[in-house]
Amino acid sequence: ARLWFGGDKFGDFVPHIKKRQTLPAAVADPL
């Protein structure tokens, strides 16, 4: 997603996912 302040004012990417990934069960950080 991207922060949006209305109109054409944008901010950072939140969350900023840089590449597509498929993570198997019990591999990603649960927290």
PDB file of all heavy atoms in Angstrom:
ATOM      1  N   ALA A   1       0.864  -1.183   0.000  1.00  0.00           N
ATOM      2  CA  ALA A   1       0.000   0.000   0.000  1.00  0.00           C
ATOM      3  C   ALA A   1       0.899   1.231   0.000  1.00  0.00           C
ATOM      4  O   ALA A   1       2.113   1.136   0.215  1.00  0.00           O
ATOM      5  CB  ALA A   1      -0.912  -0.002   1.218  1.00  0.00           C
ATOM      6  N   ARG A   2       0.280   2.398  -0.225  1.00  0.00           N
ATOM      7  CA  ARG A   2       1.063   3.635  -0.231  1.00  0.00           C
ATOM      8  C   ARG A   2       0.355   4.705   0.573  1.00  0.00           C
ATOM      9  O   ARG A   2      -0.878   4.844   0.491  1.00  0.00           O
ATOM     10  CB  ARG A   2       1.288   4.123  -1.660  1.00  0.00           C
ATOM     11  CG  ARG A   2       2.339   5.226  -1.731  1.00  0.00           C
ATOM     12  CD  ARG A   2       2.714   5.581  -3.147  1.00  0.00           C
ATOM     13  NE  ARG A   2       3.839   6.522  -3.141  1.00  0.00           N
ATOM     14  CZ  ARG A   2       4.305   7.110  -4.231  1.00  0.00           C
ATOM     15  NH1 ARG A   2       3.778   6.838  -5.417  1.00  0.00           N
ATOM     16  NH2 ARG A   2       5.312   7.962  -4.153  1.00  0.00           N
ATOM     17  N   LEU A   3       1.130   5.430   1.373  1.00  0.00           N
ATOM     18  CA  LEU A   3       0.550   6.537   2.123  1.00  0.00           C
ATOM     19  C   LEU A   3       0.003   7.580   1.151  1.00  0.00           C
ATOM     20  O   LEU A   3       0.641   7.908   0.148  1.00  0.00           O
ATOM     21  CB  LEU A   3       1.602   7.185   3.024  1.00  0.00           C
ATOM     22  CG  LEU A   3       2.245   6.307   4.103  1.00  0.00           C
ATOM     23  CD1 LEU A   3       3.202   7.143   4.945  1.00  0.00           C
ATOM     24  CD2 LEU A   3       1.196   5.670   4.990  1.00  0.00           C
ATOM     25  N   TRP A   4      -1.169   8.102   1.474  1.00  0.00           N
ATOM     26  CA  TRP A   4      -1.843   9.066   0.601  1.00  0.00           C
ATOM     27  C   TRP A   4      -2.391  10.203   1.460  1.00  0.00           C
ATOM     28  O   TRP A   4      -3.149   9.965   2.397  1.00  0.00           O
ATOM     29  CB  TRP A   4      -2.962   8.368  -0.170  1.00  0.00           C
ATOM     30  CG  TRP A   4      -3.719   9.250  -1.109  1.00  0.00           C
ATOM     31  CD1 TRP A   4      -3.208  10.202  -1.949  1.00  0.00           C
ATOM     32  CD2 TRP A   4      -5.129   9.254  -1.326  1.00  0.00           C
ATOM     33  NE1 TRP A   4      -4.213  10.782  -2.687  1.00  0.00           N
ATOM     34  CE2 TRP A   4      -5.400  10.221  -2.318  1.00  0.00           C
ATOM     35  CE3 TRP A   4      -6.181   8.515  -0.788  1.00  0.00           C
ATOM     36  CZ2 TRP A   4      -6.706  10.479  -2.767  1.00  0.00           C
ATOM     37  CZ3 TRP A   4      -7.467   8.773  -1.244  1.00  0.00           C
ATOM     38  CH2 TRP A   4      -7.722   9.726  -2.215  1.00  0.00           C
ATOM     39  N   PHE A   5      -1.982  11.427   1.118  1.00  0.00           N
ATOM     40  CA  PHE A   5      -2.390  12.594   1.887  1.00  0.00           C
ATOM     41  C   PHE A   5      -3.467  13.401   1.167  1.00  0.00           C
ATOM     42  O   PHE A   5      -3.750  14.539   1.523  1.00  0.00           O
ATOM     43  CB  PHE A   5      -1.168  13.471   2.172  1.00  0.00           C
ATOM     44  CG  PHE A   5      -0.098  12.745   2.938  1.00  0.00           C
ATOM     45  CD1 PHE A   5       0.947  12.133   2.279  1.00  0.00           C
ATOM     46  CD2 PHE A   5      -0.153  12.646   4.322  1.00  0.00           C
ATOM     47  CE1 PHE A   5       1.928  11.437   2.974  1.00  0.00           C
ATOM     48  CE2 PHE A   5       0.825  11.952   5.031  1.00  0.00           C
ATOM     49  CZ  PHE A   5       1.863  11.354   4.353  1.00  0.00           C
ATOM     50  N   GLY A   6      -4.092  12.791   0.165  1.00  0.00           N
ATOM     51  CA  GLY A   6      -5.124  13.462  -0.613  1.00  0.00           C
ATOM     52  C   GLY A   6      -4.550  14.086  -1.871  1.00  0.00           C
ATOM     53  O   GLY A   6      -3.378  14.470  -1.923  1.00  0.00           O
ATOM     54  N   GLY A   7      -5.394  14.167  -2.915  1.00  0.00           N
ATOM     55  CA  GLY A   7      -4.935  14.756  -4.172  1.00  0.00           C
ATOM     56  C   GLY A   7      -3.783  13.979  -4.748  1.00  0.00           C
ATOM     57  O   GLY A   7      -3.820  12.754  -4.859  1.00  0.00           O
ATOM     58  N   ASP A   8      -2.709  14.707  -5.117  1.00  0.00           N
ATOM     59  CA  ASP A   8      -1.533  14.044  -5.697  1.00  0.00           C
ATOM     60  C   ASP A   8      -0.377  13.992  -4.709  1.00  0.00           C
ATOM     61  O   ASP A   8       0.781  13.904  -5.103  1.00  0.00           O
ATOM     62  CB  ASP A   8      -1.106  14.766  -6.981  1.00  0.00           C
ATOM     63  CG  ASP A   8      -0.756  16.235  -6.737  1.00  0.00           C
ATOM     64  OD1 ASP A   8      -0.949  16.712  -5.596  1.00  0.00           O
ATOM     65  OD2 ASP A   8      -0.290  16.898  -7.688  1.00  0.00           O
ATOM     66  N   LYS A   9      -0.688  14.020  -3.417  1.00  0.00           N
ATOM     67  CA  LYS A   9       0.346  13.974  -2.381  1.00  0.00           C
ATOM     68  C   LYS A   9       0.463  12.547  -1.833  1.00  0.00           C
ATOM     69  O   LYS A   9      -0.471  12.045  -1.208  1.00  0.00           O
ATOM     70  CB  LYS A   9       0.014  14.953  -1.253  1.00  0.00           C
ATOM     71  CG  LYS A   9      -0.010  16.409  -1.703  1.00  0.00           C
ATOM     72  CD  LYS A   9      -0.346  17.327  -0.530  1.00  0.00           C
ATOM     73  CE  LYS A   9      -0.364  18.788  -0.983  1.00  0.00           C
ATOM     74  NZ  LYS A   9      -0.723  19.692   0.146  1.00  0.00           N
ATOM     75  N   PHE A  10       1.616  11.936  -2.094  1.00  0.00           N
ATOM     76  CA  PHE A  10       1.843  10.559  -1.685  1.00  0.00           C
ATOM     77  C   PHE A  10       3.076  10.466  -0.784  1.00  0.00           C
ATOM     78  O   PHE A  10       3.948  11.332  -0.809  1.00  0.00           O
ATOM     79  CB  PHE A  10       2.035   9.655  -2.907  1.00  0.00           C
ATOM     80  CG  PHE A  10       0.835   9.602  -3.805  1.00  0.00           C
ATOM     81  CD1 PHE A  10       0.721  10.474  -4.879  1.00  0.00           C
ATOM     82  CD2 PHE A  10      -0.187   8.699  -3.561  1.00  0.00           C
ATOM     83  CE1 PHE A  10      -0.397  10.441  -5.703  1.00  0.00           C
ATOM     84  CE2 PHE A  10      -1.301   8.652  -4.383  1.00  0.00           C
ATOM     85  CZ  PHE A  10      -1.408   9.523  -5.453  1.00  0.00           C
ATOM     86  N   GLY A  11       3.139   9.406   0.004  1.00  0.00           N
ATOM     87  CA  GLY A  11       4.273   9.172   0.879  1.00  0.00           C
ATOM     88  C   GLY A  11       4.883   7.808   0.651  1.00  0.00           C
ATOM     89  O   GLY A  11       4.857   7.276  -0.463  1.00  0.00           O
ATOM     90  N   ASP A  12       5.401   7.219   1.712  1.00  0.00           N
ATOM     91  CA  ASP A  12       6.098   5.937   1.630  1.00  0.00           C
ATOM     92  C   ASP A  12       5.141   4.789   1.315  1.00  0.00           C
ATOM     93  O   ASP A  12       3.915   4.930   1.379  1.00  0.00           O
ATOM     94  CB  ASP A  12       6.806   5.639   2.949  1.00  0.00           C
ATOM     95  CG  ASP A  12       7.967   6.599   3.200  1.00  0.00           C
ATOM     96  OD1 ASP A  12       8.474   7.163   2.220  1.00  0.00           O
ATOM     97  OD2 ASP A  12       8.340   6.777   4.376  1.00  0.00           O
ATOM     98  N   PHE A  13       5.750   3.645   0.995  1.00  0.00           N
ATOM     99  CA  PHE A  13       4.990   2.418   0.784  1.00  0.00           C
ATOM    100  C   PHE A  13       4.867   1.689   2.121  1.00  0.00           C
ATOM    101  O   PHE A  13       5.866   1.442   2.789  1.00  0.00           O
ATOM    102  CB  PHE A  13       5.683   1.527  -0.245  1.00  0.00           C
ATOM    103  CG  PHE A  13       5.791   2.167  -1.602  1.00  0.00           C
ATOM    104  CD1 PHE A  13       6.934   2.855  -1.974  1.00  0.00           C
ATOM    105  CD2 PHE A  13       4.737   2.093  -2.496  1.00  0.00           C
ATOM    106  CE1 PHE A  13       7.035   3.457  -3.219  1.00  0.00           C
ATOM    107  CE2 PHE A  13       4.821   2.688  -3.749  1.00  0.00           C
ATOM    108  CZ  PHE A  13       5.970   3.375  -4.107  1.00  0.00           C
ATOM    109  N   VAL A  14       3.625   1.385   2.513  1.00  0.00           N
ATOM    110  CA  VAL A  14       3.370   0.757   3.824  1.00  0.00           C
ATOM    111  C   VAL A  14       2.279  -0.299   3.660  1.00  0.00           C
ATOM    112  O   VAL A  14       1.116   0.063   3.454  1.00  0.00           O
ATOM    113  CB  VAL A  14       2.927   1.801   4.869  1.00  0.00           C
ATOM    114  CG1 VAL A  14       2.699   1.127   6.210  1.00  0.00           C
ATOM    115  CG2 VAL A  14       3.937   2.917   5.003  1.00  0.00           C
ATOM    116  N   PRO A  15       2.571  -1.574   3.743  1.00  0.00           N
ATOM    117  CA  PRO A  15       3.912  -2.160   3.831  1.00  0.00           C
ATOM    118  C   PRO A  15       4.641  -2.040   2.499  1.00  0.00           C
ATOM    119  O   PRO A  15       3.997  -1.919   1.452  1.00  0.00           O
ATOM    120  CB  PRO A  15       3.627  -3.625   4.169  1.00  0.00           C
ATOM    121  CG  PRO A  15       2.296  -3.889   3.537  1.00  0.00           C
ATOM    122  CD  PRO A  15       1.515  -2.613   3.681  1.00  0.00           C
ATOM    123  N   HIS A  16       5.962  -2.084   2.542  1.00  0.00           N
ATOM    124  CA  HIS A  16       6.753  -1.990   1.325  1.00  0.00           C
ATOM    125  C   HIS A  16       7.291  -3.372   0.993  1.00  0.00           C
ATOM    126  O   HIS A  16       8.317  -3.806   1.506  1.00  0.00           O
ATOM    127  CB  HIS A  16       7.905  -1.003   1.497  1.00  0.00           C
ATOM    128  CG  HIS A  16       8.591  -0.685   0.203  1.00  0.00           C
ATOM    129  ND1 HIS A  16       9.685   0.143   0.121  1.00  0.00           N
ATOM    130  CD2 HIS A  16       8.320  -1.074  -1.071  1.00  0.00           C
ATOM    131  CE1 HIS A  16      10.063   0.243  -1.143  1.00  0.00           C
ATOM    132  NE2 HIS A  16       9.263  -0.495  -1.880  1.00  0.00           N
ATOM    133  N   ILE A  17       6.554  -4.089   0.152  1.00  0.00           N
ATOM    134  CA  ILE A  17       6.958  -5.424  -0.275  1.00  0.00           C
ATOM    135  C   ILE A  17       7.718  -5.269  -1.587  1.00  0.00           C
ATOM    136  O   ILE A  17       7.168  -4.799  -2.579  1.00  0.00           O
ATOM    137  CB  ILE A  17       5.724  -6.335  -0.455  1.00  0.00           C
ATOM    138  CG1 ILE A  17       4.990  -6.485   0.894  1.00  0.00           C
ATOM    139  CG2 ILE A  17       6.128  -7.693  -1.009  1.00  0.00           C
ATOM    140  CD1 ILE A  17       3.626  -7.115   0.778  1.00  0.00           C
ATOM    141  N   LYS A  18       8.980  -5.650  -1.593  1.00  0.00           N
ATOM    142  CA  LYS A  18       9.846  -5.345  -2.728  1.00  0.00           C
ATOM    143  C   LYS A  18       9.796  -6.383  -3.837  1.00  0.00           C
ATOM    144  O   LYS A  18      10.097  -6.086  -4.990  1.00  0.00           O
ATOM    145  CB  LYS A  18      11.282  -5.154  -2.242  1.00  0.00           C
ATOM    146  CG  LYS A  18      11.415  -3.955  -1.308  1.00  0.00           C
ATOM    147  CD  LYS A  18      12.857  -3.759  -0.859  1.00  0.00           C
ATOM    148  CE  LYS A  18      12.955  -2.548   0.076  1.00  0.00           C
ATOM    149  NZ  LYS A  18      14.353  -2.333   0.542  1.00  0.00           N
ATOM    150  N   LYS A  19       9.442  -7.612  -3.495  1.00  0.00           N
ATOM    151  CA  LYS A  19       9.343  -8.639  -4.532  1.00  0.00           C
ATOM    152  C   LYS A  19       8.269  -9.639  -4.143  1.00  0.00           C
ATOM    153  O   LYS A  19       7.977  -9.826  -2.959  1.00  0.00           O
ATOM    154  CB  LYS A  19      10.684  -9.340  -4.746  1.00  0.00           C
ATOM    155  CG  LYS A  19      11.171 -10.145  -3.547  1.00  0.00           C
ATOM    156  CD  LYS A  19      12.482 -10.861  -3.879  1.00  0.00           C
ATOM    157  CE  LYS A  19      12.962 -11.705  -2.695  1.00  0.00           C
ATOM    158  NZ  LYS A  19      14.212 -12.421  -2.998  1.00  0.00           N
ATOM    159  N   ARG A  20       7.709 -10.261  -5.145  1.00  0.00           N
ATOM    160  CA  ARG A  20       6.674 -11.263  -4.892  1.00  0.00           C
ATOM    161  C   ARG A  20       7.313 -12.502  -4.277  1.00  0.00           C
ATOM    162  O   ARG A  20       8.337 -12.994  -4.765  1.00  0.00           O
ATOM    163  CB  ARG A  20       5.954 -11.636  -6.182  1.00  0.00           C
ATOM    164  CG  ARG A  20       4.771 -12.574  -5.952  1.00  0.00           C
ATOM    165  CD  ARG A  20       4.081 -12.931  -7.258  1.00  0.00           C
ATOM    166  NE  ARG A  20       2.996 -13.870  -7.031  1.00  0.00           N
ATOM    167  CZ  ARG A  20       1.717 -13.583  -7.137  1.00  0.00           C
ATOM    168  NH1 ARG A  20       1.344 -12.357  -7.457  1.00  0.00           N
ATOM    169  NH2 ARG A  20       0.792 -14.497  -6.930  1.00  0.00           N
ATOM    170  N   GLN A  21       6.705 -12.995  -3.211  1.00  0.00           N
ATOM    171  CA  GLN A  21       7.203 -14.180  -2.541  1.00  0.00           C
ATOM    172  C   GLN A  21       6.039 -15.062  -2.106  1.00  0.00           C
ATOM    173  O   GLN A  21       4.973 -14.555  -1.750  1.00  0.00           O
ATOM    174  CB  GLN A  21       7.998 -13.814  -1.281  1.00  0.00           C
ATOM    175  CG  GLN A  21       9.261 -13.049  -1.510  1.00  0.00           C
ATOM    176  CD  GLN A  21      10.011 -12.838  -0.205  1.00  0.00           C
ATOM    177  OE1 GLN A  21      10.617 -13.761   0.350  1.00  0.00           O
ATOM    178  NE2 GLN A  21       9.973 -11.620   0.306  1.00  0.00           N
ATOM    179  N   THR A  22       6.269 -16.360  -2.141  1.00  0.00           N
ATOM    180  CA  THR A  22       5.366 -17.317  -1.522  1.00  0.00           C
ATOM    181  C   THR A  22       6.173 -18.062  -0.467  1.00  0.00           C
ATOM    182  O   THR A  22       7.143 -18.762  -0.796  1.00  0.00           O
ATOM    183  CB  THR A  22       4.800 -18.306  -2.555  1.00  0.00           C
ATOM    184  OG1 THR A  22       4.059 -17.586  -3.545  1.00  0.00           O
ATOM    185  CG2 THR A  22       3.875 -19.311  -1.876  1.00  0.00           C
ATOM    186  N   LEU A  23       5.813 -17.874   0.790  1.00  0.00           N
ATOM    187  CA  LEU A  23       6.559 -18.472   1.894  1.00  0.00           C
ATOM    188  C   LEU A  23       5.805 -19.683   2.423  1.00  0.00           C
ATOM    189  O   LEU A  23       4.618 -19.591   2.740  1.00  0.00           O
ATOM    190  CB  LEU A  23       6.749 -17.449   3.005  1.00  0.00           C
ATOM    191  CG  LEU A  23       7.480 -16.164   2.603  1.00  0.00           C
ATOM    192  CD1 LEU A  23       7.521 -15.188   3.771  1.00  0.00           C
ATOM    193  CD2 LEU A  23       8.885 -16.468   2.112  1.00  0.00           C
ATOM    194  N   PRO A  24       6.477 -20.826   2.532  1.00  0.00           N
ATOM    195  CA  PRO A  24       5.826 -22.031   3.057  1.00  0.00           C
ATOM    196  C   PRO A  24       5.395 -21.850   4.513  1.00  0.00           C
ATOM    197  O   PRO A  24       5.827 -20.926   5.204  1.00  0.00           O
ATOM    198  CB  PRO A  24       6.912 -23.104   2.939  1.00  0.00           C
ATOM    199  CG  PRO A  24       7.892 -22.565   1.949  1.00  0.00           C
ATOM    200  CD  PRO A  24       7.867 -21.084   2.124  1.00  0.00           C
ATOM    201  N   ALA A  25       4.546 -22.742   4.979  1.00  0.00           N
ATOM    202  CA  ALA A  25       4.092 -22.713   6.368  1.00  0.00           C
ATOM    203  C   ALA A  25       5.276 -22.765   7.320  1.00  0.00           C
ATOM    204  O   ALA A  25       6.270 -23.460   7.069  1.00  0.00           O
ATOM    205  CB  ALA A  25       3.158 -23.888   6.638  1.00  0.00           C
ATOM    206  N   ALA A  26       5.176 -22.004   8.427  1.00  0.00           N
ATOM    207  CA  ALA A  26       6.167 -22.004   9.515  1.00  0.00           C
ATOM    208  C   ALA A  26       7.538 -21.527   9.072  1.00  0.00           C
ATOM    209  O   ALA A  26       8.548 -21.889   9.670  1.00  0.00           O
ATOM    210  CB  ALA A  26       6.259 -23.383  10.157  1.00  0.00           C
ATOM    211  N   VAL A  27       7.610 -20.697   8.030  1.00  0.00           N
ATOM    212  CA  VAL A  27       8.875 -20.117   7.589  1.00  0.00           C
ATOM    213  C   VAL A  27       8.925 -18.623   7.910  1.00  0.00           C
ATOM    214  O   VAL A  27       9.931 -18.119   8.409  1.00  0.00           O
ATOM    215  CB  VAL A  27       9.098 -20.344   6.078  1.00  0.00           C
ATOM    216  CG1 VAL A  27      10.241 -19.477   5.548  1.00  0.00           C
ATOM    217  CG2 VAL A  27       9.393 -21.816   5.813  1.00  0.00           C
ATOM    218  N   ALA A  28       7.842 -17.895   7.638  1.00  0.00           N
ATOM    219  CA  ALA A  28       7.806 -16.457   7.929  1.00  0.00           C
ATOM    220  C   ALA A  28       7.776 -16.210   9.436  1.00  0.00           C
ATOM    221  O   ALA A  28       7.415 -17.096  10.222  1.00  0.00           O
ATOM    222  CB  ALA A  28       6.578 -15.824   7.273  1.00  0.00           C
ATOM    223  N   ASP A  29       8.161 -15.010   9.844  1.00  0.00           N
ATOM    224  CA  ASP A  29       8.146 -14.627  11.253  1.00  0.00           C
ATOM    225  C   ASP A  29       6.697 -14.474  11.715  1.00  0.00           C
ATOM    226  O   ASP A  29       5.991 -13.586  11.237  1.00  0.00           O
ATOM    227  CB  ASP A  29       8.903 -13.309  11.424  1.00  0.00           C
ATOM    228  CG  ASP A  29       8.890 -12.809  12.861  1.00  0.00           C
ATOM    229  OD1 ASP A  29       8.384 -13.515  13.743  1.00  0.00           O
ATOM    230  OD2 ASP A  29       9.395 -11.685  13.088  1.00  0.00           O
ATOM    231  N   PRO A  30       6.221 -15.298  12.658  1.00  0.00           N
ATOM    232  CA  PRO A  30       4.821 -15.180  13.101  1.00  0.00           C
ATOM    233  C   PRO A  30       4.509 -13.855  13.777  1.00  0.00           C
ATOM    234  O   PRO A  30       3.346 -13.465  13.862  1.00  0.00           O
ATOM    235  CB  PRO A  30       4.667 -16.343  14.102  1.00  0.00           C
ATOM    236  CG  PRO A  30       5.776 -17.289  13.777  1.00  0.00           C
ATOM    237  CD  PRO A  30       6.900 -16.437  13.300  1.00  0.00           C
ATOM    238  N   LEU A  31       5.539 -13.162  14.270  1.00  0.00           N
ATOM    239  CA  LEU A  31       5.315 -11.866  14.904  1.00  0.00           C
ATOM    240  C   LEU A  31       5.530 -10.710  13.938  1.00  0.00           C
ATOM    241  O   LEU A  31       5.665  -9.563  14.344  1.00  0.00           O
ATOM    242  CB  LEU A  31       6.223 -11.706  16.133  1.00  0.00           C
ATOM    243  CG  LEU A  31       5.886 -12.637  17.301  1.00  0.00           C
ATOM    244  CD1 LEU A  31       6.820 -12.375  18.473  1.00  0.00           C
ATOM    245  CD2 LEU A  31       4.439 -12.494  17.729  1.00  0.00           C
TER     246      LEU A  31
END
